[in-house]
């Protein structure tokens, strides 16, 4: 990995931190709009870079929000990284609708499932509405902006379509 790519990843992580400041109210805390920069990074820089942005972006978002779930945020960090990586793989291989569907179902419903066993079914039930709203907003942003930003940012960040 070269300096240009590392710097670009850092910029996307910073954008994720900015998204963390925009919160969707939820019965349990609030959900942040920090996923869009990770989705963008997964498409432009590749799935692995998107996973790095998702994981680190989530931890920054959790710190900004006061680490309401304590050490569980590290579990969520790993889950987000894997989900964004899968999104990036699907999107880059032309399965864009599948990528958005996977991200929506994964982020809104599946990633919170461990909390059924770690906390309770009631806790999971309280998480889902906020997660669904925040995920929907992140996906709408991504669906509207990715097709417009992808060609522009690839020209700026990448040279001849290959990460330098």
N, C-alpha and C. Protein backbone atom coordinates (compact mmCIF):
# COMPACT_ATOMS: atom_id res chain seq x y z
N UNK A 1 0.84 -1.17 0.00
CA UNK A 1 0.00 0.00 0.00
C UNK A 1 0.90 1.24 0.00
N UNK A 2 0.58 2.18 -0.85
CA UNK A 2 1.41 3.39 -0.92
C UNK A 2 0.79 4.54 -0.14
N UNK A 3 1.52 5.62 -0.07
CA UNK A 3 1.11 6.78 0.72
C UNK A 3 -0.20 7.37 0.20
N UNK A 4 -0.36 7.40 -1.11
CA UNK A 4 -1.57 7.99 -1.68
C UNK A 4 -2.82 7.20 -1.25
N UNK A 5 -2.73 5.87 -1.28
CA UNK A 5 -3.88 5.06 -0.89
C UNK A 5 -4.14 5.17 0.61
N UNK A 6 -3.10 5.16 1.42
CA UNK A 6 -3.27 5.31 2.86
C UNK A 6 -3.90 6.66 3.20
N UNK A 7 -3.45 7.70 2.53
CA UNK A 7 -4.02 9.04 2.75
C UNK A 7 -5.48 9.09 2.34
N UNK A 8 -5.81 8.43 1.24
CA UNK A 8 -7.20 8.41 0.78
C UNK A 8 -8.09 7.64 1.76
N UNK A 9 -7.58 6.53 2.27
CA UNK A 9 -8.33 5.77 3.28
C UNK A 9 -8.56 6.64 4.51
N UNK A 10 -7.54 7.39 4.92
CA UNK A 10 -7.67 8.27 6.08
C UNK A 10 -8.74 9.34 5.84
N UNK A 11 -8.82 9.84 4.62
CA UNK A 11 -9.85 10.84 4.30
C UNK A 11 -11.24 10.22 4.41
N UNK A 12 -11.40 8.99 3.91
CA UNK A 12 -12.70 8.33 4.01
C UNK A 12 -13.06 8.04 5.47
N UNK A 13 -12.06 7.68 6.29
CA UNK A 13 -12.32 7.46 7.72
C UNK A 13 -12.77 8.77 8.36
N UNK A 14 -12.13 9.88 7.97
CA UNK A 14 -12.53 11.19 8.50
C UNK A 14 -13.96 11.53 8.07
N UNK A 15 -14.31 11.21 6.83
CA UNK A 15 -15.69 11.44 6.37
C UNK A 15 -16.67 10.59 7.17
N UNK A 16 -16.25 9.39 7.50
CA UNK A 16 -17.10 8.53 8.34
C UNK A 16 -17.29 9.15 9.72
N UNK A 17 -16.24 9.77 10.25
CA UNK A 17 -16.35 10.46 11.55
C UNK A 17 -17.32 11.64 11.46
N UNK A 18 -17.31 12.33 10.35
CA UNK A 18 -18.27 13.43 10.16
C UNK A 18 -19.69 12.86 10.11
N UNK A 19 -19.86 11.74 9.40
CA UNK A 19 -21.17 11.09 9.36
C UNK A 19 -21.62 10.62 10.72
N UNK A 20 -20.66 10.32 11.59
CA UNK A 20 -20.98 9.88 12.95
C UNK A 20 -21.64 11.00 13.76
N UNK A 21 -21.43 12.22 13.35
CA UNK A 21 -22.03 13.34 14.06
C UNK A 21 -23.50 13.54 13.68
N UNK A 22 -23.92 12.91 12.59
CA UNK A 22 -25.32 12.99 12.15
C UNK A 22 -26.01 11.74 12.68
N UNK A 23 -26.90 11.91 13.63
CA UNK A 23 -27.51 10.78 14.33
C UNK A 23 -28.99 10.64 13.99
N UNK A 24 -29.43 9.38 13.94
CA UNK A 24 -30.84 9.05 13.79
C UNK A 24 -31.32 8.57 15.16
N UNK A 25 -32.30 9.26 15.76
CA UNK A 25 -32.77 8.85 17.09
C UNK A 25 -33.31 7.42 17.09
N UNK A 26 -33.07 6.73 18.17
CA UNK A 26 -33.47 5.34 18.30
C UNK A 26 -33.90 5.10 19.75
N UNK A 27 -34.75 4.10 19.98
CA UNK A 27 -35.12 3.80 21.37
C UNK A 27 -33.91 3.50 22.26
N UNK A 28 -32.86 2.95 21.66
CA UNK A 28 -31.62 2.68 22.41
C UNK A 28 -30.53 3.55 21.78
N UNK A 29 -30.23 4.67 22.38
CA UNK A 29 -29.19 5.56 21.87
C UNK A 29 -29.59 6.18 20.55
N UNK A 30 -28.62 6.23 19.64
CA UNK A 30 -28.89 6.76 18.30
C UNK A 30 -27.97 6.04 17.32
N UNK A 31 -28.40 6.03 16.07
CA UNK A 31 -27.64 5.37 15.01
C UNK A 31 -27.03 6.46 14.14
N UNK A 32 -25.78 6.24 13.74
CA UNK A 32 -25.06 7.27 12.98
C UNK A 32 -25.14 7.00 11.49
N UNK A 33 -24.93 8.05 10.74
CA UNK A 33 -24.86 7.95 9.28
C UNK A 33 -23.38 7.89 8.86
N UNK A 34 -22.70 6.87 9.34
CA UNK A 34 -21.26 6.75 9.09
C UNK A 34 -20.90 5.67 8.08
N UNK A 35 -21.88 4.99 7.49
CA UNK A 35 -21.59 3.88 6.58
C UNK A 35 -21.33 4.33 5.14
N UNK A 36 -21.95 5.43 4.72
CA UNK A 36 -21.80 5.85 3.33
C UNK A 36 -20.35 6.01 2.90
N UNK A 37 -19.47 6.68 3.66
CA UNK A 37 -18.07 6.78 3.22
C UNK A 37 -17.39 5.41 3.07
N UNK A 38 -17.77 4.45 3.91
CA UNK A 38 -17.19 3.10 3.79
C UNK A 38 -17.67 2.43 2.50
N UNK A 39 -18.93 2.61 2.16
CA UNK A 39 -19.45 2.04 0.92
C UNK A 39 -18.76 2.67 -0.28
N UNK A 40 -18.56 3.97 -0.23
CA UNK A 40 -17.87 4.69 -1.29
C UNK A 40 -16.42 4.19 -1.41
N UNK A 41 -15.74 4.02 -0.29
CA UNK A 41 -14.36 3.53 -0.31
C UNK A 41 -14.30 2.11 -0.87
N UNK A 42 -15.29 1.27 -0.55
CA UNK A 42 -15.30 -0.11 -1.05
C UNK A 42 -15.41 -0.14 -2.56
N UNK A 43 -16.14 0.81 -3.13
CA UNK A 43 -16.32 0.85 -4.58
C UNK A 43 -15.10 1.46 -5.26
N UNK A 44 -14.55 2.53 -4.70
CA UNK A 44 -13.46 3.25 -5.36
C UNK A 44 -12.09 2.63 -5.09
N UNK A 45 -11.84 2.28 -3.84
CA UNK A 45 -10.51 1.77 -3.46
C UNK A 45 -10.45 0.26 -3.38
N UNK A 46 -11.60 -0.38 -3.36
CA UNK A 46 -11.65 -1.83 -3.27
C UNK A 46 -12.28 -2.28 -1.96
N UNK A 47 -12.76 -3.53 -1.95
CA UNK A 47 -13.46 -4.05 -0.78
C UNK A 47 -12.63 -4.05 0.51
N UNK A 48 -11.35 -4.33 0.43
CA UNK A 48 -10.53 -4.36 1.64
C UNK A 48 -10.41 -2.97 2.24
N UNK A 49 -10.18 -1.98 1.41
CA UNK A 49 -10.10 -0.60 1.90
C UNK A 49 -11.44 -0.16 2.48
N UNK A 50 -12.53 -0.54 1.84
CA UNK A 50 -13.85 -0.23 2.38
C UNK A 50 -14.07 -0.85 3.74
N UNK A 51 -13.57 -2.08 3.92
CA UNK A 51 -13.68 -2.77 5.21
C UNK A 51 -12.90 -2.03 6.28
N UNK A 52 -11.71 -1.54 5.94
CA UNK A 52 -10.90 -0.78 6.90
C UNK A 52 -11.64 0.49 7.31
N UNK A 53 -12.19 1.20 6.33
CA UNK A 53 -12.93 2.43 6.61
C UNK A 53 -14.16 2.12 7.47
N UNK A 54 -14.86 1.03 7.17
CA UNK A 54 -16.06 0.68 7.94
C UNK A 54 -15.73 0.38 9.39
N UNK A 55 -14.71 -0.43 9.60
CA UNK A 55 -14.34 -0.80 10.97
C UNK A 55 -13.86 0.38 11.78
N UNK A 56 -12.90 1.11 11.25
CA UNK A 56 -12.36 2.25 11.99
C UNK A 56 -13.39 3.38 12.09
N UNK A 57 -14.18 3.55 11.05
CA UNK A 57 -15.24 4.56 11.09
C UNK A 57 -16.26 4.25 12.18
N UNK A 58 -16.59 2.96 12.34
CA UNK A 58 -17.54 2.60 13.39
C UNK A 58 -16.97 2.89 14.78
N UNK A 59 -15.72 2.55 14.99
CA UNK A 59 -15.13 2.78 16.31
C UNK A 59 -15.10 4.28 16.63
N UNK A 60 -14.73 5.09 15.64
CA UNK A 60 -14.75 6.54 15.86
C UNK A 60 -16.17 7.01 16.17
N UNK A 61 -17.14 6.50 15.41
CA UNK A 61 -18.53 6.85 15.65
C UNK A 61 -18.96 6.44 17.05
N UNK A 62 -18.53 5.27 17.49
CA UNK A 62 -18.88 4.79 18.83
C UNK A 62 -18.28 5.69 19.91
N UNK A 63 -17.03 6.10 19.72
CA UNK A 63 -16.41 7.01 20.69
C UNK A 63 -17.14 8.34 20.73
N UNK A 64 -17.52 8.86 19.57
CA UNK A 64 -18.25 10.13 19.51
C UNK A 64 -19.60 9.99 20.23
N UNK A 65 -20.22 8.82 20.08
CA UNK A 65 -21.51 8.59 20.71
C UNK A 65 -21.43 8.15 22.16
N UNK A 66 -20.23 8.02 22.71
CA UNK A 66 -20.07 7.69 24.12
C UNK A 66 -19.94 6.21 24.42
N UNK A 67 -19.65 5.38 23.41
CA UNK A 67 -19.45 3.93 23.59
C UNK A 67 -20.59 3.32 24.41
N UNK A 68 -21.82 3.58 23.99
CA UNK A 68 -22.99 3.15 24.75
C UNK A 68 -23.08 1.63 24.91
N UNK A 69 -22.51 0.89 23.99
CA UNK A 69 -22.55 -0.57 24.09
C UNK A 69 -21.24 -1.15 24.60
N UNK A 70 -20.35 -0.30 25.06
CA UNK A 70 -19.09 -0.74 25.65
C UNK A 70 -18.27 -1.59 24.70
N UNK A 71 -17.72 -2.70 25.17
CA UNK A 71 -16.84 -3.52 24.34
C UNK A 71 -17.56 -4.21 23.18
N UNK A 72 -18.89 -4.22 23.21
CA UNK A 72 -19.62 -4.80 22.08
C UNK A 72 -19.33 -4.04 20.78
N UNK A 73 -18.89 -2.80 20.89
CA UNK A 73 -18.58 -2.03 19.69
C UNK A 73 -17.44 -2.65 18.89
N UNK A 74 -16.56 -3.39 19.54
CA UNK A 74 -15.48 -4.06 18.81
C UNK A 74 -16.03 -5.22 17.98
N UNK A 75 -17.05 -5.89 18.48
CA UNK A 75 -17.75 -6.92 17.71
C UNK A 75 -18.42 -6.27 16.50
N UNK A 76 -19.09 -5.16 16.73
CA UNK A 76 -19.78 -4.45 15.65
C UNK A 76 -18.76 -3.96 14.61
N UNK A 77 -17.59 -3.52 15.07
CA UNK A 77 -16.54 -3.07 14.16
C UNK A 77 -16.17 -4.17 13.18
N UNK A 78 -15.98 -5.38 13.68
CA UNK A 78 -15.62 -6.51 12.82
C UNK A 78 -16.78 -6.85 11.89
N UNK A 79 -17.99 -6.86 12.43
CA UNK A 79 -19.16 -7.16 11.60
C UNK A 79 -19.30 -6.14 10.46
N UNK A 80 -19.14 -4.87 10.78
CA UNK A 80 -19.25 -3.82 9.75
C UNK A 80 -18.18 -3.98 8.68
N UNK A 81 -16.97 -4.30 9.10
CA UNK A 81 -15.88 -4.49 8.14
C UNK A 81 -16.21 -5.63 7.18
N UNK A 82 -16.69 -6.74 7.70
CA UNK A 82 -17.02 -7.89 6.86
C UNK A 82 -18.19 -7.55 5.93
N UNK A 83 -19.20 -6.88 6.44
CA UNK A 83 -20.37 -6.53 5.62
C UNK A 83 -19.99 -5.58 4.49
N UNK A 84 -19.20 -4.57 4.77
CA UNK A 84 -18.79 -3.63 3.72
C UNK A 84 -17.87 -4.31 2.71
N UNK A 85 -17.03 -5.23 3.19
CA UNK A 85 -16.19 -5.99 2.27
C UNK A 85 -17.07 -6.79 1.30
N UNK A 86 -18.11 -7.47 1.83
CA UNK A 86 -19.01 -8.25 0.96
C UNK A 86 -19.75 -7.32 0.00
N UNK A 87 -20.19 -6.15 0.49
CA UNK A 87 -20.84 -5.16 -0.38
C UNK A 87 -19.91 -4.79 -1.53
N UNK A 88 -18.65 -4.48 -1.19
CA UNK A 88 -17.68 -4.08 -2.21
C UNK A 88 -17.43 -5.16 -3.25
N UNK A 89 -17.33 -6.40 -2.81
CA UNK A 89 -17.11 -7.51 -3.75
C UNK A 89 -18.27 -7.62 -4.72
N UNK A 90 -19.49 -7.58 -4.20
CA UNK A 90 -20.67 -7.66 -5.08
C UNK A 90 -20.75 -6.47 -6.02
N UNK A 91 -20.56 -5.27 -5.50
CA UNK A 91 -20.69 -4.05 -6.30
C UNK A 91 -19.65 -4.01 -7.41
N UNK A 92 -18.41 -4.33 -7.08
CA UNK A 92 -17.33 -4.28 -8.07
C UNK A 92 -17.55 -5.32 -9.18
N UNK A 93 -18.20 -6.43 -8.83
CA UNK A 93 -18.47 -7.46 -9.83
C UNK A 93 -19.80 -7.24 -10.56
N UNK A 94 -20.36 -6.04 -10.46
CA UNK A 94 -21.54 -5.66 -11.23
C UNK A 94 -22.87 -6.04 -10.62
N UNK A 95 -22.88 -6.61 -9.45
CA UNK A 95 -24.13 -7.00 -8.80
C UNK A 95 -24.56 -5.90 -7.82
N UNK A 96 -24.87 -4.74 -8.37
CA UNK A 96 -25.13 -3.56 -7.56
C UNK A 96 -26.40 -3.68 -6.73
N UNK A 97 -27.47 -4.16 -7.32
CA UNK A 97 -28.73 -4.31 -6.58
C UNK A 97 -28.55 -5.32 -5.45
N UNK A 98 -27.87 -6.41 -5.75
CA UNK A 98 -27.59 -7.41 -4.72
C UNK A 98 -26.73 -6.85 -3.61
N UNK A 99 -25.78 -6.00 -3.96
CA UNK A 99 -24.91 -5.38 -2.96
C UNK A 99 -25.72 -4.50 -2.01
N UNK A 100 -26.60 -3.68 -2.57
CA UNK A 100 -27.43 -2.81 -1.73
C UNK A 100 -28.39 -3.63 -0.86
N UNK A 101 -28.98 -4.67 -1.46
CA UNK A 101 -29.90 -5.53 -0.70
C UNK A 101 -29.16 -6.22 0.44
N UNK A 102 -27.98 -6.77 0.16
CA UNK A 102 -27.17 -7.42 1.19
C UNK A 102 -26.84 -6.44 2.32
N UNK A 103 -26.43 -5.24 1.96
CA UNK A 103 -26.07 -4.26 2.98
C UNK A 103 -27.28 -3.90 3.83
N UNK A 104 -28.43 -3.71 3.20
CA UNK A 104 -29.63 -3.34 3.96
C UNK A 104 -30.02 -4.44 4.95
N UNK A 105 -30.17 -5.66 4.45
CA UNK A 105 -30.58 -6.78 5.30
C UNK A 105 -29.52 -7.05 6.37
N UNK A 106 -28.26 -7.02 5.96
CA UNK A 106 -27.17 -7.29 6.90
C UNK A 106 -27.09 -6.26 8.00
N UNK A 107 -27.09 -4.99 7.65
CA UNK A 107 -26.91 -3.93 8.65
C UNK A 107 -28.16 -3.73 9.50
N UNK A 108 -29.32 -3.83 8.90
CA UNK A 108 -30.55 -3.55 9.63
C UNK A 108 -30.99 -4.71 10.52
N UNK A 109 -30.70 -5.95 10.12
CA UNK A 109 -31.26 -7.09 10.84
C UNK A 109 -30.22 -8.11 11.31
N UNK A 110 -29.30 -8.51 10.44
CA UNK A 110 -28.40 -9.63 10.75
C UNK A 110 -27.29 -9.25 11.73
N UNK A 111 -26.64 -8.09 11.53
CA UNK A 111 -25.51 -7.75 12.38
C UNK A 111 -25.89 -7.58 13.85
N UNK A 112 -27.14 -7.27 14.11
CA UNK A 112 -27.58 -7.10 15.50
C UNK A 112 -28.00 -8.42 16.15
N UNK A 113 -28.09 -9.50 15.38
CA UNK A 113 -28.54 -10.78 15.93
C UNK A 113 -27.72 -11.29 17.12
N UNK A 114 -26.40 -11.10 17.16
CA UNK A 114 -25.68 -11.57 18.35
C UNK A 114 -26.21 -10.98 19.66
N UNK A 115 -26.83 -9.81 19.60
CA UNK A 115 -27.36 -9.19 20.80
C UNK A 115 -28.56 -9.93 21.37
N UNK A 116 -29.22 -10.76 20.53
CA UNK A 116 -30.29 -11.60 21.06
C UNK A 116 -29.71 -12.54 22.11
N UNK A 117 -28.53 -13.08 21.84
CA UNK A 117 -27.90 -14.04 22.75
C UNK A 117 -27.05 -13.35 23.82
N UNK A 118 -26.45 -12.22 23.47
CA UNK A 118 -25.58 -11.52 24.42
C UNK A 118 -26.37 -10.67 25.42
N UNK A 119 -27.50 -10.13 24.98
CA UNK A 119 -28.30 -9.27 25.87
C UNK A 119 -29.69 -9.88 26.01
N UNK A 120 -30.56 -9.62 25.03
CA UNK A 120 -31.91 -10.19 25.07
C UNK A 120 -32.63 -9.93 23.76
N UNK A 121 -33.70 -10.66 23.54
CA UNK A 121 -34.53 -10.46 22.36
C UNK A 121 -35.16 -9.07 22.38
N UNK A 122 -35.52 -8.60 23.54
CA UNK A 122 -36.13 -7.27 23.68
C UNK A 122 -35.15 -6.17 23.25
N UNK A 123 -33.88 -6.35 23.63
CA UNK A 123 -32.85 -5.38 23.25
C UNK A 123 -32.71 -5.34 21.72
N UNK A 124 -32.67 -6.51 21.09
CA UNK A 124 -32.60 -6.60 19.63
C UNK A 124 -33.80 -5.90 19.00
N UNK A 125 -34.98 -6.16 19.56
CA UNK A 125 -36.21 -5.56 19.03
C UNK A 125 -36.17 -4.04 19.11
N UNK A 126 -35.53 -3.52 20.14
CA UNK A 126 -35.41 -2.06 20.28
C UNK A 126 -34.35 -1.49 19.33
N UNK A 127 -33.34 -2.29 18.97
CA UNK A 127 -32.29 -1.82 18.07
C UNK A 127 -32.76 -1.71 16.62
N UNK A 128 -33.58 -2.65 16.19
CA UNK A 128 -33.91 -2.78 14.77
C UNK A 128 -34.54 -1.54 14.14
N UNK A 129 -35.49 -0.84 14.75
CA UNK A 129 -36.06 0.33 14.07
C UNK A 129 -35.03 1.42 13.76
N UNK A 130 -34.17 1.74 14.70
CA UNK A 130 -33.14 2.75 14.46
C UNK A 130 -32.14 2.30 13.41
N UNK A 131 -31.74 1.03 13.50
CA UNK A 131 -30.81 0.49 12.50
C UNK A 131 -31.42 0.52 11.10
N UNK A 132 -32.69 0.17 11.02
CA UNK A 132 -33.36 0.16 9.72
C UNK A 132 -33.43 1.56 9.12
N UNK A 133 -33.76 2.55 9.93
CA UNK A 133 -33.82 3.93 9.44
C UNK A 133 -32.47 4.45 9.01
N UNK A 134 -31.45 4.25 9.84
CA UNK A 134 -30.11 4.72 9.49
C UNK A 134 -29.57 4.00 8.26
N UNK A 135 -29.82 2.69 8.18
CA UNK A 135 -29.36 1.91 7.03
C UNK A 135 -30.04 2.39 5.75
N UNK A 136 -31.33 2.64 5.84
CA UNK A 136 -32.07 3.12 4.66
C UNK A 136 -31.51 4.46 4.18
N UNK A 137 -31.22 5.35 5.11
CA UNK A 137 -30.67 6.66 4.71
C UNK A 137 -29.29 6.48 4.07
N UNK A 138 -28.43 5.65 4.67
CA UNK A 138 -27.11 5.40 4.09
C UNK A 138 -27.21 4.79 2.70
N UNK A 139 -28.16 3.87 2.50
CA UNK A 139 -28.31 3.22 1.20
C UNK A 139 -28.86 4.18 0.16
N UNK A 140 -29.81 5.01 0.54
CA UNK A 140 -30.34 5.99 -0.41
C UNK A 140 -29.22 6.95 -0.84
N UNK A 141 -28.45 7.42 0.12
CA UNK A 141 -27.30 8.28 -0.22
C UNK A 141 -26.35 7.56 -1.18
N UNK A 142 -26.03 6.32 -0.86
CA UNK A 142 -25.10 5.56 -1.70
C UNK A 142 -25.68 5.32 -3.09
N UNK A 143 -26.94 4.92 -3.16
CA UNK A 143 -27.55 4.64 -4.47
C UNK A 143 -27.62 5.89 -5.34
N UNK A 144 -27.85 7.04 -4.73
CA UNK A 144 -27.93 8.28 -5.50
C UNK A 144 -26.55 8.82 -5.87
N UNK A 145 -25.60 8.73 -4.95
CA UNK A 145 -24.32 9.40 -5.15
C UNK A 145 -23.20 8.52 -5.73
N UNK A 146 -23.23 7.22 -5.47
CA UNK A 146 -22.14 6.36 -5.98
C UNK A 146 -21.98 6.43 -7.50
N UNK A 147 -23.07 6.32 -8.27
CA UNK A 147 -22.89 6.38 -9.73
C UNK A 147 -22.31 7.71 -10.21
N UNK A 148 -22.56 8.79 -9.47
CA UNK A 148 -22.05 10.10 -9.87
C UNK A 148 -20.63 10.34 -9.37
N UNK A 149 -20.33 9.86 -8.16
CA UNK A 149 -19.01 10.10 -7.57
C UNK A 149 -17.95 9.11 -8.05
N UNK A 150 -18.36 7.89 -8.36
CA UNK A 150 -17.40 6.84 -8.72
C UNK A 150 -16.49 7.24 -9.88
N UNK A 151 -17.01 7.68 -11.03
CA UNK A 151 -16.10 8.01 -12.14
C UNK A 151 -15.20 9.21 -11.83
N UNK A 152 -15.74 10.19 -11.13
CA UNK A 152 -14.96 11.39 -10.81
C UNK A 152 -13.83 11.06 -9.84
N UNK A 153 -14.17 10.38 -8.75
CA UNK A 153 -13.16 10.06 -7.74
C UNK A 153 -12.13 9.06 -8.24
N UNK A 154 -12.55 8.14 -9.10
CA UNK A 154 -11.57 7.20 -9.65
C UNK A 154 -10.52 7.92 -10.50
N UNK A 155 -10.95 8.95 -11.23
CA UNK A 155 -10.00 9.73 -12.02
C UNK A 155 -9.02 10.47 -11.12
N UNK A 156 -9.52 11.01 -10.03
CA UNK A 156 -8.70 11.80 -9.12
C UNK A 156 -7.77 10.91 -8.30
N UNK A 157 -8.32 9.82 -7.77
CA UNK A 157 -7.57 8.98 -6.84
C UNK A 157 -6.72 7.93 -7.56
N UNK A 158 -7.28 7.35 -8.60
CA UNK A 158 -6.59 6.26 -9.29
C UNK A 158 -5.96 6.78 -10.59
N UNK A 159 -4.93 6.12 -10.98
CA UNK A 159 -4.28 6.44 -12.25
C UNK A 159 -4.45 5.25 -13.17
N UNK A 160 -5.11 5.45 -14.31
CA UNK A 160 -5.38 4.38 -15.28
C UNK A 160 -6.17 3.23 -14.67
N UNK A 161 -7.03 3.53 -13.69
CA UNK A 161 -7.88 2.51 -13.10
C UNK A 161 -7.16 1.56 -12.15
N UNK A 162 -5.90 1.83 -11.86
CA UNK A 162 -5.13 0.97 -10.96
C UNK A 162 -4.67 1.82 -9.78
N UNK A 163 -4.85 1.29 -8.59
CA UNK A 163 -4.38 2.02 -7.41
C UNK A 163 -2.87 2.09 -7.49
N UNK A 164 -2.34 3.31 -7.38
CA UNK A 164 -0.89 3.49 -7.46
C UNK A 164 -0.20 2.93 -6.25
